[in-house]
Amino acid sequence: MSAQLLLPLMLAIPAAIAGLLGSGRVRRRSTATLVSAAALICVLLLALTQVSPMLHGQVLRWSVDWFPALGLDFKLRLDALAWLFVLLISGIGTLVVVYANYYLGKDEDTPRFYAGLLAFAAAMLGVVTAGNLLLLVVFWEFTSLSSFLLISFWSDKPEARAGARMALTVTAGGGLALLAGVLLIGQVVGSLDLDVVLGAGDLLRADPRYPWILGLVLLGAFTKSAQFPFHFWLPQAMAAPTPV
């Protein structure tokens, strides 16, 4: 598999870093908007080039050694479901960037805002394309960190700081539960490779630790998506700017 799978992350992450550089908020506004939208549009167009293999049920993979001593690879994996989410992330992300350009005031630090949005988009792209469960957890926690930065964008407001802290506490805590579940999956299956795990459903369900695994994974998902009874952090996160 070619390194095309890595290009979305290669585009979004440097664009986020670039948004933090330079000086002069107003004169950089149009440049920041253009760079941010262009990065996400490139991801969208790249995903659209994979229509044929996705419709034919192919799974695209790309990997390099990560921690060889532990048998871990930096592996990205694109199947039809992941591809659909890449389209959603890049397509909706582009619309959010355009909307933010008209929403934010002229005195706002727009490049920093776009940097946070692109960091969040890159983290989401990593979650949906991760081919290794441990790598998925890493990107999962990056979404919590980037959410914290976005919710606290108006850091002069006490409600923004409080909402960001609560969101990070709940979602990062759920991420630790997910990590515990992933480690248990690795013990049962003998691998953290997503392809191996997806083919080991019967083995997982037959293990006596399966209820714990299921509970820990669901805890991570419920906290991240603000499902009951972990919904209380989401209203406070509304202190963030509307595009967030």
C-alpha atoms as a PDB file:
ATOM      1  CA  MET A   1       0.000   0.000   0.000  1.00  0.00           C
ATOM      2  CA  SER A   2       1.317   3.446  -0.927  1.00  0.00           C
ATOM      3  CA  ALA A   3       1.747   6.173   1.648  1.00  0.00           C
ATOM      4  CA  GLN A   4      -1.446   7.906   0.442  1.00  0.00           C
ATOM      5  CA  LEU A   5      -3.147   6.971   3.691  1.00  0.00           C
ATOM      6  CA  LEU A   6      -0.674   9.120   5.577  1.00  0.00           C
ATOM      7  CA  LEU A   7      -1.275  12.218   3.476  1.00  0.00           C
ATOM      8  CA  PRO A   8      -4.373  13.437   5.363  1.00  0.00           C
ATOM      9  CA  LEU A   9      -2.370  13.583   8.593  1.00  0.00           C
ATOM     10  CA  MET A  10       0.627  15.047   6.768  1.00  0.00           C
ATOM     11  CA  LEU A  11      -1.608  17.840   5.474  1.00  0.00           C
ATOM     12  CA  ALA A  12      -3.705  18.604   8.530  1.00  0.00           C
ATOM     13  CA  ILE A  13      -1.039  18.541  11.236  1.00  0.00           C
ATOM     14  CA  PRO A  14       1.497  20.914   9.558  1.00  0.00           C
ATOM     15  CA  ALA A  15      -1.366  23.229   8.628  1.00  0.00           C
ATOM     16  CA  ALA A  16      -2.374  23.351  12.293  1.00  0.00           C
ATOM     17  CA  ILE A  17       1.197  24.144  13.330  1.00  0.00           C
ATOM     18  CA  ALA A  18       1.480  26.813  10.631  1.00  0.00           C
ATOM     19  CA  GLY A  19      -1.604  28.503  12.040  1.00  0.00           C
ATOM     20  CA  LEU A  20       0.275  29.211  15.266  1.00  0.00           C
ATOM     21  CA  LEU A  21       3.189  30.947  13.568  1.00  0.00           C
ATOM     22  CA  GLY A  22       3.720  34.580  12.699  1.00  0.00           C
ATOM     23  CA  SER A  23       2.227  37.759  14.094  1.00  0.00           C
ATOM     24  CA  GLY A  24      -0.516  40.218  13.309  1.00  0.00           C
ATOM     25  CA  ARG A  25      -3.947  38.683  13.782  1.00  0.00           C
ATOM     26  CA  VAL A  26      -5.942  40.671  11.248  1.00  0.00           C
ATOM     27  CA  ARG A  27      -3.612  40.463   8.283  1.00  0.00           C
ATOM     28  CA  ARG A  28      -3.168  36.735   8.782  1.00  0.00           C
ATOM     29  CA  ARG A  29      -6.911  36.044   8.916  1.00  0.00           C
ATOM     30  CA  SER A  30      -7.499  35.407   5.211  1.00  0.00           C
ATOM     31  CA  THR A  31      -4.307  33.362   4.925  1.00  0.00           C
ATOM     32  CA  ALA A  32      -5.270  31.202   7.882  1.00  0.00           C
ATOM     33  CA  THR A  33      -8.733  30.596   6.424  1.00  0.00           C
ATOM     34  CA  LEU A  34      -7.295  29.695   3.029  1.00  0.00           C
ATOM     35  CA  VAL A  35      -4.642  27.350   4.425  1.00  0.00           C
ATOM     36  CA  SER A  36      -7.096  25.602   6.739  1.00  0.00           C
ATOM     37  CA  ALA A  37      -9.782  25.135   4.098  1.00  0.00           C
ATOM     38  CA  ALA A  38      -7.212  24.019   1.507  1.00  0.00           C
ATOM     39  CA  ALA A  39      -5.785  21.365   3.849  1.00  0.00           C
ATOM     40  CA  LEU A  40      -9.207  19.849   4.485  1.00  0.00           C
ATOM     41  CA  ILE A  41     -10.243  20.083   0.826  1.00  0.00           C
ATOM     42  CA  CYS A  42      -7.072  18.221  -0.130  1.00  0.00           C
ATOM     43  CA  VAL A  43      -7.987  15.474   2.347  1.00  0.00           C
ATOM     44  CA  LEU A  44     -11.505  15.331   0.872  1.00  0.00           C
ATOM     45  CA  LEU A  45     -10.217  15.117  -2.694  1.00  0.00           C
ATOM     46  CA  LEU A  46      -7.701  12.455  -1.729  1.00  0.00           C
ATOM     47  CA  ALA A  47     -10.473  10.395  -0.150  1.00  0.00           C
ATOM     48  CA  LEU A  48     -12.604  10.757  -3.257  1.00  0.00           C
ATOM     49  CA  THR A  49      -9.827   9.200  -5.351  1.00  0.00           C
ATOM     50  CA  GLN A  50     -10.403   6.004  -3.356  1.00  0.00           C
ATOM     51  CA  VAL A  51     -14.061   5.599  -4.389  1.00  0.00           C
ATOM     52  CA  SER A  52     -13.443   2.560  -6.589  1.00  0.00           C
ATOM     53  CA  PRO A  53     -11.492   0.414  -4.092  1.00  0.00           C
ATOM     54  CA  MET A  54     -13.909   1.326  -1.304  1.00  0.00           C
ATOM     55  CA  LEU A  55     -16.986   0.390  -3.348  1.00  0.00           C
ATOM     56  CA  HIS A  56     -15.336  -2.928  -4.193  1.00  0.00           C
ATOM     57  CA  GLY A  57     -14.723  -3.733  -0.532  1.00  0.00           C
ATOM     58  CA  GLN A  58     -10.953  -3.335  -0.551  1.00  0.00           C
ATOM     59  CA  VAL A  59      -9.003  -2.467   2.597  1.00  0.00           C
ATOM     60  CA  LEU A  60      -5.994  -0.187   2.121  1.00  0.00           C
ATOM     61  CA  ARG A  61      -3.117  -0.412   4.589  1.00  0.00           C
ATOM     62  CA  TRP A  62       0.123   1.458   5.337  1.00  0.00           C
ATOM     63  CA  SER A  63       2.532   0.768   8.176  1.00  0.00           C
ATOM     64  CA  VAL A  64       6.028   1.394   9.519  1.00  0.00           C
ATOM     65  CA  ASP A  65       7.789   0.029  12.589  1.00  0.00           C
ATOM     66  CA  TRP A  66       6.792   1.952  15.712  1.00  0.00           C
ATOM     67  CA  PHE A  67       8.039  -0.001  18.741  1.00  0.00           C
ATOM     68  CA  PRO A  68       9.468  -3.187  17.192  1.00  0.00           C
ATOM     69  CA  ALA A  69      10.548  -4.526  20.600  1.00  0.00           C
ATOM     70  CA  LEU A  70       6.886  -4.529  21.639  1.00  0.00           C
ATOM     71  CA  GLY A  71       5.649  -5.746  18.271  1.00  0.00           C
ATOM     72  CA  LEU A  72       3.814  -2.474  17.611  1.00  0.00           C
ATOM     73  CA  ASP A  73       3.545  -0.807  14.213  1.00  0.00           C
ATOM     74  CA  PHE A  74       2.391   2.656  13.193  1.00  0.00           C
ATOM     75  CA  LYS A  75      -0.328   1.250  10.987  1.00  0.00           C
ATOM     76  CA  LEU A  76      -3.090   3.062   9.135  1.00  0.00           C
ATOM     77  CA  ARG A  77      -6.058   1.192   7.696  1.00  0.00           C
ATOM     78  CA  LEU A  78      -8.795   2.420   5.374  1.00  0.00           C
ATOM     79  CA  ASP A  79     -11.932   0.385   4.808  1.00  0.00           C
ATOM     80  CA  ALA A  80     -15.332   1.617   3.610  1.00  0.00           C
ATOM     81  CA  LEU A  81     -16.505   2.717   7.078  1.00  0.00           C
ATOM     82  CA  ALA A  82     -13.278   4.603   7.810  1.00  0.00           C
ATOM     83  CA  TRP A  83     -13.454   6.138   4.325  1.00  0.00           C
ATOM     84  CA  LEU A  84     -16.984   7.402   5.010  1.00  0.00           C
ATOM     85  CA  PHE A  85     -15.787   9.093   8.203  1.00  0.00           C
ATOM     86  CA  VAL A  86     -12.822  10.660   6.383  1.00  0.00           C
ATOM     87  CA  LEU A  87     -15.329  12.209   3.952  1.00  0.00           C
ATOM     88  CA  LEU A  88     -17.439  13.494   6.859  1.00  0.00           C
ATOM     89  CA  ILE A  89     -14.472  14.918   8.782  1.00  0.00           C
ATOM     90  CA  SER A  90     -12.945  16.704   5.807  1.00  0.00           C
ATOM     91  CA  GLY A  91     -16.229  17.798   4.207  1.00  0.00           C
ATOM     92  CA  ILE A  92     -17.943  19.118   7.340  1.00  0.00           C
ATOM     93  CA  GLY A  93     -14.596  20.452   8.578  1.00  0.00           C
ATOM     94  CA  THR A  94     -14.268  22.570   5.445  1.00  0.00           C
ATOM     95  CA  LEU A  95     -17.742  24.034   5.977  1.00  0.00           C
ATOM     96  CA  VAL A  96     -16.911  24.801   9.624  1.00  0.00           C
ATOM     97  CA  VAL A  97     -13.726  26.628   8.584  1.00  0.00           C
ATOM     98  CA  VAL A  98     -15.646  28.762   6.089  1.00  0.00           C
ATOM     99  CA  TYR A  99     -18.351  29.510   8.660  1.00  0.00           C
ATOM    100  CA  ALA A 100     -15.756  30.419  11.300  1.00  0.00           C
ATOM    101  CA  ASN A 101     -14.260  32.997   8.963  1.00  0.00           C
ATOM    102  CA  TYR A 102     -17.526  34.948   9.069  1.00  0.00           C
ATOM    103  CA  TYR A 103     -18.372  34.133  12.684  1.00  0.00           C
ATOM    104  CA  LEU A 104     -15.231  35.281  14.473  1.00  0.00           C
ATOM    105  CA  GLY A 105     -14.639  38.954  15.077  1.00  0.00           C
ATOM    106  CA  LYS A 106     -11.801  40.790  13.384  1.00  0.00           C
ATOM    107  CA  ASP A 107      -9.919  41.137  16.665  1.00  0.00           C
ATOM    108  CA  GLU A 108      -9.965  37.390  17.360  1.00  0.00           C
ATOM    109  CA  ASP A 109      -6.831  35.247  17.107  1.00  0.00           C
ATOM    110  CA  THR A 110      -8.202  33.407  14.065  1.00  0.00           C
ATOM    111  CA  PRO A 111      -5.021  31.496  13.170  1.00  0.00           C
ATOM    112  CA  ARG A 112      -4.872  29.981  16.659  1.00  0.00           C
ATOM    113  CA  PHE A 113      -8.531  29.011  16.358  1.00  0.00           C
ATOM    114  CA  TYR A 114      -7.948  27.302  13.019  1.00  0.00           C
ATOM    115  CA  ALA A 115      -4.904  25.562  14.434  1.00  0.00           C
ATOM    116  CA  GLY A 116      -7.127  24.009  17.078  1.00  0.00           C
ATOM    117  CA  LEU A 117      -9.748  22.983  14.520  1.00  0.00           C
ATOM    118  CA  LEU A 118      -7.170  21.340  12.264  1.00  0.00           C
ATOM    119  CA  ALA A 119      -5.521  19.591  15.195  1.00  0.00           C
ATOM    120  CA  PHE A 120      -8.927  18.184  16.145  1.00  0.00           C
ATOM    121  CA  ALA A 121      -9.579  17.127  12.541  1.00  0.00           C
ATOM    122  CA  ALA A 122      -6.174  15.432  12.349  1.00  0.00           C
ATOM    123  CA  ALA A 123      -6.867  13.589  15.604  1.00  0.00           C
ATOM    124  CA  MET A 124     -10.232  12.382  14.289  1.00  0.00           C
ATOM    125  CA  LEU A 125      -8.628  11.259  11.031  1.00  0.00           C
ATOM    126  CA  GLY A 126      -6.129   9.314  13.103  1.00  0.00           C
ATOM    127  CA  VAL A 127      -8.873   7.631  15.130  1.00  0.00           C
ATOM    128  CA  VAL A 128     -10.823   6.422  12.100  1.00  0.00           C
ATOM    129  CA  THR A 129      -7.784   5.258  10.105  1.00  0.00           C
ATOM    130  CA  ALA A 130      -5.723   3.714  12.921  1.00  0.00           C
ATOM    131  CA  GLY A 131      -4.841   0.099  12.168  1.00  0.00           C
ATOM    132  CA  ASN A 132      -3.491  -0.548  15.655  1.00  0.00           C
ATOM    133  CA  LEU A 133      -5.678  -0.269  18.758  1.00  0.00           C
ATOM    134  CA  LEU A 134      -2.979   1.412  20.829  1.00  0.00           C
ATOM    135  CA  LEU A 135      -2.458   3.995  18.080  1.00  0.00           C
ATOM    136  CA  LEU A 136      -6.228   4.521  18.061  1.00  0.00           C
ATOM    137  CA  VAL A 137      -6.133   5.308  21.799  1.00  0.00           C
ATOM    138  CA  VAL A 138      -3.312   7.819  21.246  1.00  0.00           C
ATOM    139  CA  PHE A 139      -5.339   9.707  18.638  1.00  0.00           C
ATOM    140  CA  TRP A 140      -8.428   9.329  20.852  1.00  0.00           C
ATOM    141  CA  GLU A 141      -6.695  11.230  23.628  1.00  0.00           C
ATOM    142  CA  PHE A 142      -5.456  13.836  21.144  1.00  0.00           C
ATOM    143  CA  THR A 143      -9.106  14.612  20.393  1.00  0.00           C
ATOM    144  CA  SER A 144      -9.612  15.302  24.117  1.00  0.00           C
ATOM    145  CA  LEU A 145      -6.604  17.611  24.222  1.00  0.00           C
ATOM    146  CA  SER A 146      -7.591  19.537  21.089  1.00  0.00           C
ATOM    147  CA  SER A 147     -11.181  19.799  22.388  1.00  0.00           C
ATOM    148  CA  PHE A 148      -9.801  21.341  25.581  1.00  0.00           C
ATOM    149  CA  LEU A 149      -7.939  23.973  23.571  1.00  0.00           C
ATOM    150  CA  LEU A 150     -10.993  24.766  21.441  1.00  0.00           C
ATOM    151  CA  ILE A 151     -13.478  24.987  24.314  1.00  0.00           C
ATOM    152  CA  SER A 152     -11.113  27.279  26.231  1.00  0.00           C
ATOM    153  CA  PHE A 153     -10.441  29.496  23.191  1.00  0.00           C
ATOM    154  CA  TRP A 154     -12.021  32.470  24.969  1.00  0.00           C
ATOM    155  CA  SER A 155      -9.807  31.870  27.987  1.00  0.00           C
ATOM    156  CA  ASP A 156     -10.709  35.228  29.539  1.00  0.00           C
ATOM    157  CA  LYS A 157     -14.171  33.813  30.306  1.00  0.00           C
ATOM    158  CA  PRO A 158     -14.417  31.731  33.516  1.00  0.00           C
ATOM    159  CA  GLU A 159     -17.162  29.550  32.004  1.00  0.00           C
ATOM    160  CA  ALA A 160     -14.909  28.652  29.063  1.00  0.00           C
ATOM    161  CA  ARG A 161     -12.075  27.600  31.359  1.00  0.00           C
ATOM    162  CA  ALA A 162     -14.435  25.597  33.579  1.00  0.00           C
ATOM    163  CA  GLY A 163     -16.103  23.899  30.609  1.00  0.00           C
ATOM    164  CA  ALA A 164     -12.754  22.971  29.083  1.00  0.00           C
ATOM    165  CA  ARG A 165     -11.470  21.490  32.332  1.00  0.00           C
ATOM    166  CA  MET A 166     -14.616  19.418  32.814  1.00  0.00           C
ATOM    167  CA  ALA A 167     -14.583  18.165  29.215  1.00  0.00           C
ATOM    168  CA  LEU A 168     -10.936  17.153  29.495  1.00  0.00           C
ATOM    169  CA  THR A 169     -11.438  15.446  32.860  1.00  0.00           C
ATOM    170  CA  VAL A 170     -14.389  13.343  31.694  1.00  0.00           C
ATOM    171  CA  THR A 171     -13.203  12.451  28.200  1.00  0.00           C
ATOM    172  CA  ALA A 172      -9.570  11.842  29.147  1.00  0.00           C
ATOM    173  CA  GLY A 173     -10.737   9.689  32.048  1.00  0.00           C
ATOM    174  CA  GLY A 174     -12.886   7.701  29.646  1.00  0.00           C
ATOM    175  CA  GLY A 175      -9.850   7.402  27.391  1.00  0.00           C
ATOM    176  CA  LEU A 176      -7.964   5.704  30.225  1.00  0.00           C
ATOM    177  CA  ALA A 177     -10.840   3.225  30.544  1.00  0.00           C
ATOM    178  CA  LEU A 178     -10.605   2.606  26.799  1.00  0.00           C
ATOM    179  CA  LEU A 179      -6.857   2.040  27.134  1.00  0.00           C
ATOM    180  CA  ALA A 180      -7.470  -0.561  29.841  1.00  0.00           C
ATOM    181  CA  GLY A 181     -10.000  -2.285  27.587  1.00  0.00           C
ATOM    182  CA  VAL A 182      -7.581  -2.248  24.668  1.00  0.00           C
ATOM    183  CA  LEU A 183      -4.805  -3.779  26.769  1.00  0.00           C
ATOM    184  CA  LEU A 184      -7.162  -6.546  27.853  1.00  0.00           C
ATOM    185  CA  ILE A 185      -8.097  -7.156  24.223  1.00  0.00           C
ATOM    186  CA  GLY A 186      -4.400  -7.452  23.422  1.00  0.00           C
ATOM    187  CA  GLN A 187      -3.963 -10.036  26.177  1.00  0.00           C
ATOM    188  CA  VAL A 188      -6.897 -12.127  24.968  1.00  0.00           C
ATOM    189  CA  VAL A 189      -6.196 -11.932  21.234  1.00  0.00           C
ATOM    190  CA  GLY A 190      -2.416 -11.756  21.426  1.00  0.00           C
ATOM    191  CA  SER A 191      -2.237  -8.735  19.155  1.00  0.00           C
ATOM    192  CA  LEU A 192      -3.323  -5.101  18.980  1.00  0.00           C
ATOM    193  CA  ASP A 193      -3.488  -5.156  15.187  1.00  0.00           C
ATOM    194  CA  LEU A 194      -7.030  -4.184  14.196  1.00  0.00           C
ATOM    195  CA  ASP A 195      -7.213  -6.763  11.408  1.00  0.00           C
ATOM    196  CA  VAL A 196      -6.367  -9.524  13.888  1.00  0.00           C
ATOM    197  CA  VAL A 197      -8.801  -8.201  16.507  1.00  0.00           C
ATOM    198  CA  LEU A 198     -11.669  -7.921  14.024  1.00  0.00           C
ATOM    199  CA  GLY A 199     -11.203 -11.576  13.145  1.00  0.00           C
ATOM    200  CA  ALA A 200     -11.149 -12.717  16.774  1.00  0.00           C
ATOM    201  CA  GLY A 201     -14.721 -11.929  17.820  1.00  0.00           C
ATOM    202  CA  ASP A 202     -15.537 -15.477  18.906  1.00  0.00           C
ATOM    203  CA  LEU A 203     -12.327 -15.692  20.919  1.00  0.00           C
ATOM    204  CA  LEU A 204     -13.100 -12.425  22.714  1.00  0.00           C
ATOM    205  CA  ARG A 205     -16.696 -13.320  23.527  1.00  0.00           C
ATOM    206  CA  ALA A 206     -15.624 -16.703  24.909  1.00  0.00           C
ATOM    207  CA  ASP A 207     -13.124 -15.176  27.325  1.00  0.00           C
ATOM    208  CA  PRO A 208     -14.320 -14.653  30.930  1.00  0.00           C
ATOM    209  CA  ARG A 209     -12.897 -11.107  30.831  1.00  0.00           C
ATOM    210  CA  TYR A 210     -15.210 -10.135  27.965  1.00  0.00           C
ATOM    211  CA  PRO A 211     -17.767  -8.293  30.176  1.00  0.00           C
ATOM    212  CA  TRP A 212     -14.948  -6.158  31.601  1.00  0.00           C
ATOM    213  CA  ILE A 213     -13.580  -5.469  28.120  1.00  0.00           C
ATOM    214  CA  LEU A 214     -17.005  -4.502  26.818  1.00  0.00           C
ATOM    215  CA  GLY A 215     -17.687  -2.274  29.818  1.00  0.00           C
ATOM    216  CA  LEU A 216     -14.353  -0.440  29.573  1.00  0.00           C
ATOM    217  CA  VAL A 217     -14.678   0.177  25.836  1.00  0.00           C
ATOM    218  CA  LEU A 218     -18.262   1.407  26.251  1.00  0.00           C
ATOM    219  CA  LEU A 219     -17.147   3.675  29.091  1.00  0.00           C
ATOM    220  CA  GLY A 220     -14.647   5.313  26.769  1.00  0.00           C
ATOM    221  CA  ALA A 221     -17.258   5.727  24.040  1.00  0.00           C
ATOM    222  CA  PHE A 222     -19.999   7.014  26.355  1.00  0.00           C
ATOM    223  CA  THR A 223     -17.793   9.645  27.983  1.00  0.00           C
ATOM    224  CA  LYS A 224     -16.445  10.893  24.645  1.00  0.00           C
ATOM    225  CA  SER A 225     -19.887  11.193  23.058  1.00  0.00           C
ATOM    226  CA  ALA A 226     -21.525  12.670  26.188  1.00  0.00           C
ATOM    227  CA  GLN A 227     -24.049   9.844  26.548  1.00  0.00           C
ATOM    228  CA  PHE A 228     -26.062   9.453  29.755  1.00  0.00           C
ATOM    229  CA  PRO A 229     -24.896   9.470  32.506  1.00  0.00           C
ATOM    230  CA  PHE A 230     -21.844  11.361  31.220  1.00  0.00           C
ATOM    231  CA  HIS A 231     -23.830  14.012  29.358  1.00  0.00           C
ATOM    232  CA  PHE A 232     -23.267  16.726  31.971  1.00  0.00           C
ATOM    233  CA  TRP A 233     -20.004  18.013  30.463  1.00  0.00           C
ATOM    234  CA  LEU A 234     -21.483  18.865  27.074  1.00  0.00           C
ATOM    235  CA  PRO A 235     -23.689  21.860  28.066  1.00  0.00           C
ATOM    236  CA  GLN A 236     -20.698  23.494  29.772  1.00  0.00           C
ATOM    237  CA  ALA A 237     -18.639  22.927  26.623  1.00  0.00           C
ATOM    238  CA  MET A 238     -21.077  25.256  24.841  1.00  0.00           C
ATOM    239  CA  ALA A 239     -18.982  28.098  26.220  1.00  0.00           C
ATOM    240  CA  ALA A 240     -16.798  27.461  23.174  1.00  0.00           C
ATOM    241  CA  PRO A 241     -17.239  29.551  20.001  1.00  0.00           C
ATOM    242  CA  THR A 242     -20.186  28.323  17.926  1.00  0.00           C
ATOM    243  CA  PRO A 243     -18.070  26.744  15.120  1.00  0.00           C
ATOM    244  CA  VAL A 244     -16.543  24.385  17.734  1.00  0.00           C
END
